[in-house]
Amino acid sequence: MPLVENAFKYLSHFPEGNNRVSIHISNDDQSLEATVKNTKEIRIEKKEAGGIGLRNLRRRLELQYPNRHELEINDGKTEFEVILRIRNQLKIEK
């Protein structure tokens, strides 16, 4: 949910432009992948990608899915994209 909330929080507000949020989630036997993208305002000053919300998300992922997740953040000029991959645990047969 934090990824979706951030997409709407930081969505661009261009009066004559394309303001969009894109959410894609897929799941198979091996992993779950969620991609969330949003258009954003162009900033003159560049700050580091990811605020406290993304830091908290990273920590939660470490606790809940240690060594089974990837969080990729792409902070482009006009678009912000986050890709989250969580690998399924192997089932042990008895």
C-alpha atoms as a PDB file:
ATOM      1  CA  MET A   1       0.000   0.000   0.000  1.00  0.00           C
ATOM      2  CA  PRO A   2       2.770   2.544   0.683  1.00  0.00           C
ATOM      3  CA  LEU A   3       3.821   2.349  -2.984  1.00  0.00           C
ATOM      4  CA  VAL A   4       0.300   3.126  -4.208  1.00  0.00           C
ATOM      5  CA  GLU A   5      -0.161   5.895  -1.621  1.00  0.00           C
ATOM      6  CA  ASN A   6       3.122   7.534  -2.667  1.00  0.00           C
ATOM      7  CA  ALA A   7       2.171   7.360  -6.347  1.00  0.00           C
ATOM      8  CA  PHE A   8      -0.941   9.439  -5.693  1.00  0.00           C
ATOM      9  CA  LYS A   9       0.768  11.711  -3.166  1.00  0.00           C
ATOM     10  CA  TYR A  10       3.526  12.709  -5.604  1.00  0.00           C
ATOM     11  CA  LEU A  11       1.476  12.567  -8.816  1.00  0.00           C
ATOM     12  CA  SER A  12       2.133  15.437 -11.212  1.00  0.00           C
ATOM     13  CA  HIS A  13      -0.472  18.181 -11.601  1.00  0.00           C
ATOM     14  CA  PHE A  14       0.215  19.435 -15.109  1.00  0.00           C
ATOM     15  CA  PRO A  15      -2.741  21.570 -16.274  1.00  0.00           C
ATOM     16  CA  GLU A  16      -2.268  20.526 -19.917  1.00  0.00           C
ATOM     17  CA  GLY A  17      -0.324  17.312 -19.502  1.00  0.00           C
ATOM     18  CA  ASN A  18      -0.593  13.636 -18.877  1.00  0.00           C
ATOM     19  CA  ASN A  19      -1.014  13.010 -15.133  1.00  0.00           C
ATOM     20  CA  ARG A  20      -1.095   9.270 -14.588  1.00  0.00           C
ATOM     21  CA  VAL A  21      -0.607   6.450 -12.116  1.00  0.00           C
ATOM     22  CA  SER A  22       0.041   2.931 -13.385  1.00  0.00           C
ATOM     23  CA  ILE A  23      -0.143  -0.172 -11.181  1.00  0.00           C
ATOM     24  CA  HIS A  24       0.713  -3.658 -12.415  1.00  0.00           C
ATOM     25  CA  ILE A  25       0.814  -6.749 -10.197  1.00  0.00           C
ATOM     26  CA  SER A  26       1.671 -10.256 -11.354  1.00  0.00           C
ATOM     27  CA  ASN A  27       2.105 -13.525  -9.507  1.00  0.00           C
ATOM     28  CA  ASP A  28       3.335 -16.959 -10.501  1.00  0.00           C
ATOM     29  CA  ASP A  29       4.701 -20.021  -8.705  1.00  0.00           C
ATOM     30  CA  GLN A  30       8.073 -18.365  -8.159  1.00  0.00           C
ATOM     31  CA  SER A  31       7.399 -14.743  -7.260  1.00  0.00           C
ATOM     32  CA  LEU A  32       5.103 -11.768  -6.917  1.00  0.00           C
ATOM     33  CA  GLU A  33       6.009  -8.581  -8.776  1.00  0.00           C
ATOM     34  CA  ALA A  34       4.396  -5.173  -8.330  1.00  0.00           C
ATOM     35  CA  THR A  35       5.262  -2.173 -10.486  1.00  0.00           C
ATOM     36  CA  VAL A  36       3.922   1.265  -9.574  1.00  0.00           C
ATOM     37  CA  LYS A  37       4.608   4.315 -11.764  1.00  0.00           C
ATOM     38  CA  ASN A  38       3.480   7.909 -11.622  1.00  0.00           C
ATOM     39  CA  THR A  39       4.207  11.067 -13.537  1.00  0.00           C
ATOM     40  CA  LYS A  40       5.878  13.723 -11.441  1.00  0.00           C
ATOM     41  CA  GLU A  41       6.776  17.370 -11.475  1.00  0.00           C
ATOM     42  CA  ILE A  42      10.198  18.299 -12.836  1.00  0.00           C
ATOM     43  CA  ARG A  43      12.342  19.614  -9.986  1.00  0.00           C
ATOM     44  CA  ILE A  44      15.320  21.878 -10.474  1.00  0.00           C
ATOM     45  CA  GLU A  45      16.987  20.673  -7.283  1.00  0.00           C
ATOM     46  CA  LYS A  46      17.590  16.945  -7.149  1.00  0.00           C
ATOM     47  CA  LYS A  47      17.031  15.243  -3.848  1.00  0.00           C
ATOM     48  CA  GLU A  48      17.758  11.629  -3.038  1.00  0.00           C
ATOM     49  CA  ALA A  49      15.073   9.205  -4.202  1.00  0.00           C
ATOM     50  CA  GLY A  50      12.990   7.888  -1.383  1.00  0.00           C
ATOM     51  CA  GLY A  51      11.831   9.563   1.774  1.00  0.00           C
ATOM     52  CA  ILE A  52      10.865   8.162   5.147  1.00  0.00           C
ATOM     53  CA  GLY A  53       8.020   6.099   3.667  1.00  0.00           C
ATOM     54  CA  LEU A  54      10.357   4.165   1.380  1.00  0.00           C
ATOM     55  CA  ARG A  55      12.930   3.765   4.177  1.00  0.00           C
ATOM     56  CA  ASN A  56      10.227   2.287   6.410  1.00  0.00           C
ATOM     57  CA  LEU A  57       9.098   0.010   3.568  1.00  0.00           C
ATOM     58  CA  ARG A  58      12.672  -1.245   3.054  1.00  0.00           C
ATOM     59  CA  ARG A  59      12.921  -2.081   6.754  1.00  0.00           C
ATOM     60  CA  ARG A  60       9.573  -3.896   6.791  1.00  0.00           C
ATOM     61  CA  LEU A  61      10.598  -5.931   3.742  1.00  0.00           C
ATOM     62  CA  GLU A  62      13.867  -6.910   5.470  1.00  0.00           C
ATOM     63  CA  LEU A  63      11.924  -8.119   8.495  1.00  0.00           C
ATOM     64  CA  GLN A  64       9.129  -9.938   6.639  1.00  0.00           C
ATOM     65  CA  TYR A  65      10.983 -11.245   3.569  1.00  0.00           C
ATOM     66  CA  PRO A  66      14.699 -11.481   4.425  1.00  0.00           C
ATOM     67  CA  ASN A  67      16.815 -12.380   1.386  1.00  0.00           C
ATOM     68  CA  ARG A  68      13.634 -12.921  -0.681  1.00  0.00           C
ATOM     69  CA  HIS A  69      12.826  -9.450  -1.980  1.00  0.00           C
ATOM     70  CA  GLU A  70      14.111  -6.775  -4.338  1.00  0.00           C
ATOM     71  CA  LEU A  71      13.043  -3.132  -4.343  1.00  0.00           C
ATOM     72  CA  GLU A  72      14.068  -1.165  -7.424  1.00  0.00           C
ATOM     73  CA  ILE A  73      13.512   2.602  -7.533  1.00  0.00           C
ATOM     74  CA  ASN A  74      13.807   4.529 -10.800  1.00  0.00           C
ATOM     75  CA  ASP A  75      13.552   8.289 -10.317  1.00  0.00           C
ATOM     76  CA  GLY A  76      13.366   9.710 -13.829  1.00  0.00           C
ATOM     77  CA  LYS A  77      12.952  13.278 -14.980  1.00  0.00           C
ATOM     78  CA  THR A  78       9.166  13.098 -15.427  1.00  0.00           C
ATOM     79  CA  GLU A  79       8.274   9.660 -14.050  1.00  0.00           C
ATOM     80  CA  PHE A  80       8.845   7.775 -10.799  1.00  0.00           C
ATOM     81  CA  GLU A  81       8.797   3.966 -10.870  1.00  0.00           C
ATOM     82  CA  VAL A  82       9.083   1.391  -8.106  1.00  0.00           C
ATOM     83  CA  ILE A  83       9.360  -2.341  -8.763  1.00  0.00           C
ATOM     84  CA  LEU A  84       8.931  -4.771  -5.889  1.00  0.00           C
ATOM     85  CA  ARG A  85       9.713  -8.470  -6.307  1.00  0.00           C
ATOM     86  CA  ILE A  86       9.092 -11.045  -3.600  1.00  0.00           C
ATOM     87  CA  ARG A  87      10.234 -14.611  -4.184  1.00  0.00           C
ATOM     88  CA  ASN A  88       7.992 -17.389  -2.866  1.00  0.00           C
ATOM     89  CA  GLN A  89       9.408 -19.652  -0.212  1.00  0.00           C
ATOM     90  CA  LEU A  90      10.285 -23.153  -1.263  1.00  0.00           C
ATOM     91  CA  LYS A  91       7.849 -25.732   0.026  1.00  0.00           C
ATOM     92  CA  ILE A  92       9.523 -28.560   1.882  1.00  0.00           C
ATOM     93  CA  GLU A  93       7.895 -31.946   1.332  1.00  0.00           C
ATOM     94  CA  LYS A  94       7.853 -34.339   4.333  1.00  0.00           C
END
